Amino acid sequence: MGRDKKNPKPLDTGAFNTLVKTAAEVLRRHEQQLHAQLHKQLTVSTADGPVSVTLDIVPDEDEPHALLGAHDGDGVALAQVRVAPNFKLSQASASAWIEGGFRKPG
């Protein structure tokens, strides 16, 4: 007796485990991609040593914003300011922010 679309053949254990593993990998890749969009980091060389600059976007419905932060080579926080969520983090913008004394850009 043949199977139809309303009554498909049941999955065996191996096929079910493969399906669950594939679905978990798709969800994990989606989370990684979203994290990469919302969190940017780069390193700028300064006279005092390397400074790590981060941009963390907060996708809030009411008040979206981003946090621009700087840490020295030892991980000590140097500064953190709130910026617009569409702020473009680049080597030039990070260097200008550091040279400007960590004042709010724009």
N, C-alpha and C. Protein backbone atom coordinates (compact mmCIF):
# COMPACT_ATOMS: atom_id res chain seq x y z
N MET A 1 0.84 -1.17 0.00
CA MET A 1 0.00 0.00 0.00
C MET A 1 0.89 1.24 0.00
N GLY A 2 0.64 2.21 -0.90
CA GLY A 2 1.47 3.39 -1.04
C GLY A 2 1.13 4.47 -0.03
N ARG A 3 2.07 5.35 0.18
CA ARG A 3 1.86 6.47 1.09
C ARG A 3 1.49 7.69 0.28
N ASP A 4 0.73 8.59 0.88
CA ASP A 4 0.40 9.85 0.21
C ASP A 4 0.91 11.01 1.07
N LYS A 5 0.64 12.23 0.65
CA LYS A 5 1.16 13.40 1.36
C LYS A 5 0.53 13.58 2.74
N LYS A 6 -0.68 13.11 2.91
CA LYS A 6 -1.33 13.24 4.21
C LYS A 6 -0.80 12.22 5.21
N ASN A 7 -0.30 11.12 4.72
CA ASN A 7 0.21 10.05 5.58
C ASN A 7 1.61 9.66 5.10
N PRO A 8 2.60 10.51 5.34
CA PRO A 8 3.94 10.19 4.85
C PRO A 8 4.57 9.04 5.63
N LYS A 9 5.61 8.48 5.04
CA LYS A 9 6.34 7.41 5.68
C LYS A 9 7.02 7.96 6.93
N PRO A 10 6.92 7.30 8.06
CA PRO A 10 7.56 7.80 9.28
C PRO A 10 9.08 7.79 9.15
N LEU A 11 9.73 8.73 9.84
CA LEU A 11 11.19 8.81 9.81
C LEU A 11 11.78 7.76 10.74
N ASP A 12 12.89 7.16 10.28
CA ASP A 12 13.60 6.26 11.18
C ASP A 12 14.48 7.10 12.11
N THR A 13 15.12 6.49 13.07
CA THR A 13 15.89 7.21 14.08
C THR A 13 17.02 8.02 13.46
N GLY A 14 17.76 7.43 12.54
CA GLY A 14 18.88 8.13 11.91
C GLY A 14 18.43 9.34 11.12
N ALA A 15 17.37 9.21 10.36
CA ALA A 15 16.86 10.33 9.57
C ALA A 15 16.34 11.44 10.47
N PHE A 16 15.69 11.07 11.56
CA PHE A 16 15.18 12.07 12.50
C PHE A 16 16.33 12.84 13.14
N ASN A 17 17.39 12.12 13.56
CA ASN A 17 18.55 12.78 14.18
C ASN A 17 19.23 13.72 13.20
N THR A 18 19.32 13.33 11.92
CA THR A 18 19.90 14.19 10.90
C THR A 18 19.06 15.44 10.71
N LEU A 19 17.75 15.29 10.70
CA LEU A 19 16.86 16.43 10.54
C LEU A 19 17.01 17.41 11.71
N VAL A 20 17.08 16.90 12.92
CA VAL A 20 17.23 17.75 14.11
C VAL A 20 18.59 18.45 14.08
N LYS A 21 19.65 17.74 13.70
CA LYS A 21 20.98 18.33 13.63
C LYS A 21 21.04 19.45 12.59
N THR A 22 20.44 19.22 11.44
CA THR A 22 20.42 20.24 10.39
C THR A 22 19.65 21.47 10.83
N ALA A 23 18.52 21.28 11.48
CA ALA A 23 17.73 22.42 11.97
C ALA A 23 18.51 23.20 13.03
N ALA A 24 19.22 22.52 13.90
CA ALA A 24 20.01 23.20 14.93
C ALA A 24 21.15 24.00 14.29
N GLU A 25 21.77 23.45 13.25
CA GLU A 25 22.85 24.17 12.56
C GLU A 25 22.33 25.43 11.87
N VAL A 26 21.15 25.36 11.29
CA VAL A 26 20.56 26.53 10.63
C VAL A 26 20.28 27.62 11.67
N LEU A 27 19.74 27.26 12.79
CA LEU A 27 19.48 28.24 13.86
C LEU A 27 20.78 28.84 14.38
N ARG A 28 21.82 28.02 14.56
CA ARG A 28 23.11 28.51 15.05
C ARG A 28 23.73 29.49 14.06
N ARG A 29 23.66 29.19 12.76
CA ARG A 29 24.21 30.10 11.76
C ARG A 29 23.44 31.41 11.73
N HIS A 30 22.13 31.34 11.92
CA HIS A 30 21.31 32.57 11.98
C HIS A 30 21.72 33.43 13.16
N GLU A 31 21.93 32.82 14.32
CA GLU A 31 22.34 33.57 15.51
C GLU A 31 23.72 34.18 15.32
N GLN A 32 24.65 33.45 14.69
CA GLN A 32 25.99 33.98 14.44
C GLN A 32 25.94 35.17 13.49
N GLN A 33 25.10 35.07 12.46
CA GLN A 33 24.98 36.15 11.49
C GLN A 33 24.38 37.40 12.14
N LEU A 34 23.37 37.22 12.99
CA LEU A 34 22.77 38.35 13.70
C LEU A 34 23.78 38.98 14.65
N HIS A 35 24.55 38.17 15.35
CA HIS A 35 25.58 38.69 16.25
C HIS A 35 26.63 39.49 15.48
N ALA A 36 27.02 39.01 14.30
CA ALA A 36 28.01 39.71 13.49
C ALA A 36 27.48 41.06 13.00
N GLN A 37 26.19 41.15 12.75
CA GLN A 37 25.59 42.42 12.32
C GLN A 37 25.54 43.43 13.46
N LEU A 38 25.31 42.97 14.67
CA LEU A 38 25.09 43.87 15.80
C LEU A 38 26.36 44.19 16.59
N HIS A 39 27.45 43.47 16.37
CA HIS A 39 28.67 43.67 17.15
C HIS A 39 29.87 43.75 16.20
N LYS A 40 30.51 44.91 16.18
CA LYS A 40 31.69 45.13 15.35
C LYS A 40 32.88 45.44 16.25
N GLN A 41 34.07 45.02 15.83
CA GLN A 41 35.27 45.29 16.61
C GLN A 41 36.46 45.46 15.67
N LEU A 42 37.32 46.42 16.01
CA LEU A 42 38.56 46.58 15.27
C LEU A 42 39.61 47.14 16.21
N THR A 43 40.87 47.04 15.80
CA THR A 43 41.98 47.50 16.62
C THR A 43 42.70 48.64 15.92
N VAL A 44 42.99 49.70 16.68
CA VAL A 44 43.67 50.88 16.15
C VAL A 44 45.01 51.00 16.88
N SER A 45 46.08 51.20 16.13
CA SER A 45 47.39 51.41 16.74
C SER A 45 47.55 52.87 17.11
N THR A 46 47.94 53.10 18.36
CA THR A 46 48.16 54.47 18.85
C THR A 46 49.56 54.54 19.44
N ALA A 47 49.96 55.73 19.84
CA ALA A 47 51.28 55.92 20.47
C ALA A 47 51.36 55.18 21.80
N ASP A 48 50.23 55.03 22.48
CA ASP A 48 50.19 54.34 23.78
C ASP A 48 50.01 52.84 23.64
N GLY A 49 49.88 52.34 22.42
CA GLY A 49 49.68 50.92 22.18
C GLY A 49 48.37 50.67 21.47
N PRO A 50 48.05 49.41 21.22
CA PRO A 50 46.81 49.11 20.50
C PRO A 50 45.57 49.40 21.34
N VAL A 51 44.56 49.94 20.67
CA VAL A 51 43.27 50.21 21.31
C VAL A 51 42.20 49.44 20.55
N SER A 52 41.43 48.65 21.27
CA SER A 52 40.35 47.88 20.67
C SER A 52 39.06 48.71 20.73
N VAL A 53 38.46 48.96 19.58
CA VAL A 53 37.25 49.77 19.51
C VAL A 53 36.09 48.84 19.14
N THR A 54 35.00 48.90 19.90
CA THR A 54 33.84 48.06 19.65
C THR A 54 32.61 48.91 19.40
N LEU A 55 31.70 48.38 18.60
CA LEU A 55 30.41 49.01 18.35
C LEU A 55 29.34 47.96 18.58
N ASP A 56 28.51 48.15 19.58
CA ASP A 56 27.44 47.23 19.92
C ASP A 56 26.11 47.91 19.67
N ILE A 57 25.38 47.42 18.67
CA ILE A 57 24.08 48.00 18.31
C ILE A 57 23.00 47.37 19.17
N VAL A 58 22.14 48.22 19.75
CA VAL A 58 21.02 47.77 20.58
C VAL A 58 19.75 47.98 19.77
N PRO A 59 19.16 46.91 19.20
CA PRO A 59 17.99 47.08 18.34
C PRO A 59 16.69 47.20 19.13
N ASP A 60 16.55 48.28 19.86
CA ASP A 60 15.36 48.54 20.66
C ASP A 60 14.28 49.15 19.77
N GLU A 61 13.03 48.73 19.93
CA GLU A 61 11.95 49.27 19.10
C GLU A 61 11.67 50.73 19.40
N ASP A 62 11.74 51.12 20.66
CA ASP A 62 11.41 52.49 21.04
C ASP A 62 12.57 53.45 20.86
N GLU A 63 13.76 53.02 21.23
CA GLU A 63 14.92 53.91 21.19
C GLU A 63 16.17 53.13 20.76
N PRO A 64 16.31 52.85 19.47
CA PRO A 64 17.52 52.13 19.03
C PRO A 64 18.74 53.01 19.16
N HIS A 65 19.85 52.41 19.57
CA HIS A 65 21.11 53.13 19.73
C HIS A 65 22.26 52.15 19.62
N ALA A 66 23.46 52.67 19.69
CA ALA A 66 24.66 51.84 19.68
C ALA A 66 25.61 52.36 20.74
N LEU A 67 26.45 51.48 21.24
CA LEU A 67 27.44 51.85 22.23
C LEU A 67 28.82 51.69 21.60
N LEU A 68 29.56 52.78 21.56
CA LEU A 68 30.90 52.80 21.02
C LEU A 68 31.86 52.76 22.21
N GLY A 69 32.70 51.75 22.26
CA GLY A 69 33.59 51.58 23.40
C GLY A 69 35.03 51.41 22.98
N ALA A 70 35.94 51.71 23.90
CA ALA A 70 37.37 51.55 23.66
C ALA A 70 38.01 50.86 24.86
N HIS A 71 38.91 49.91 24.56
CA HIS A 71 39.65 49.20 25.59
C HIS A 71 41.13 49.18 25.19
N ASP A 72 42.00 49.29 26.18
CA ASP A 72 43.43 49.24 25.86
C ASP A 72 43.87 47.79 25.68
N GLY A 73 45.17 47.57 25.48
CA GLY A 73 45.69 46.24 25.23
C GLY A 73 45.48 45.27 26.37
N ASP A 74 45.34 45.79 27.60
CA ASP A 74 45.12 44.93 28.77
C ASP A 74 43.64 44.66 29.03
N GLY A 75 42.76 45.25 28.23
CA GLY A 75 41.32 45.05 28.41
C GLY A 75 40.66 46.05 29.33
N VAL A 76 41.40 47.06 29.74
CA VAL A 76 40.85 48.09 30.62
C VAL A 76 40.02 49.06 29.78
N ALA A 77 38.79 49.33 30.23
CA ALA A 77 37.90 50.23 29.50
C ALA A 77 38.43 51.65 29.55
N LEU A 78 38.57 52.27 28.37
CA LEU A 78 39.03 53.66 28.28
C LEU A 78 37.86 54.62 28.17
N ALA A 79 36.85 54.24 27.40
CA ALA A 79 35.70 55.13 27.20
C ALA A 79 34.54 54.34 26.62
N GLN A 80 33.34 54.89 26.81
CA GLN A 80 32.14 54.34 26.18
C GLN A 80 31.14 55.48 25.99
N VAL A 81 30.65 55.63 24.76
CA VAL A 81 29.68 56.67 24.46
C VAL A 81 28.52 56.07 23.68
N ARG A 82 27.40 56.73 23.78
CA ARG A 82 26.19 56.30 23.06
C ARG A 82 26.14 57.05 21.73
N VAL A 83 25.95 56.31 20.63
CA VAL A 83 25.92 56.90 19.30
C VAL A 83 24.66 56.42 18.58
N ALA A 84 24.44 56.99 17.40
CA ALA A 84 23.30 56.58 16.58
C ALA A 84 23.49 55.14 16.11
N PRO A 85 22.39 54.40 15.93
CA PRO A 85 22.52 53.00 15.52
C PRO A 85 23.09 52.84 14.11
N ASN A 86 23.08 53.91 13.31
CA ASN A 86 23.60 53.82 11.94
C ASN A 86 25.04 54.33 11.86
N PHE A 87 25.72 54.47 13.00
CA PHE A 87 27.12 54.91 13.02
C PHE A 87 27.97 53.88 12.29
N LYS A 88 28.83 54.35 11.40
CA LYS A 88 29.70 53.47 10.62
C LYS A 88 31.07 53.39 11.29
N LEU A 89 31.40 52.21 11.79
CA LEU A 89 32.70 51.99 12.42
C LEU A 89 33.71 51.60 11.36
N SER A 90 34.77 52.40 11.26
CA SER A 90 35.86 52.13 10.33
C SER A 90 37.17 52.54 11.01
N GLN A 91 38.28 52.21 10.38
CA GLN A 91 39.57 52.60 10.94
C GLN A 91 39.64 54.12 11.08
N ALA A 92 39.16 54.84 10.06
CA ALA A 92 39.22 56.30 10.07
C ALA A 92 38.34 56.88 11.18
N SER A 93 37.10 56.39 11.30
CA SER A 93 36.21 56.93 12.33
C SER A 93 36.70 56.58 13.73
N ALA A 94 37.25 55.39 13.90
CA ALA A 94 37.78 54.99 15.21
C ALA A 94 39.01 55.84 15.57
N SER A 95 39.90 56.05 14.61
CA SER A 95 41.09 56.86 14.87
C SER A 95 40.71 58.30 15.21
N ALA A 96 39.73 58.85 14.47
CA ALA A 96 39.29 60.22 14.73
C ALA A 96 38.66 60.32 16.12
N TRP A 97 37.92 59.31 16.54
CA TRP A 97 37.29 59.31 17.86
C TRP A 97 38.35 59.27 18.96
N ILE A 98 39.37 58.45 18.77
CA ILE A 98 40.44 58.34 19.76
C ILE A 98 41.23 59.64 19.83
N GLU A 99 41.59 60.18 18.66
CA GLU A 99 42.35 61.43 18.62
C GLU A 99 41.55 62.61 19.17
N GLY A 100 40.22 62.54 19.09
CA GLY A 100 39.37 63.60 19.60
C GLY A 100 39.11 63.50 21.08
N GLY A 101 39.81 62.63 21.77
CA GLY A 101 39.66 62.53 23.22
C GLY A 101 38.43 61.74 23.64
N PHE A 102 37.96 60.83 22.82
CA PHE A 102 36.81 59.97 23.10
C PHE A 102 35.51 60.75 23.31
N ARG A 103 35.42 61.91 22.66
CA ARG A 103 34.16 62.66 22.73
C ARG A 103 33.15 62.03 21.80
N LYS A 104 31.89 62.27 22.06
CA LYS A 104 30.82 61.71 21.24
C LYS A 104 30.98 62.17 19.79
N PRO A 105 31.08 61.23 18.84
CA PRO A 105 31.25 61.64 17.44
C PRO A 105 29.98 62.29 16.89
N GLY A 106 30.20 63.17 15.91
CA GLY A 106 29.07 63.78 15.23
C GLY A 106 28.62 64.98 15.94
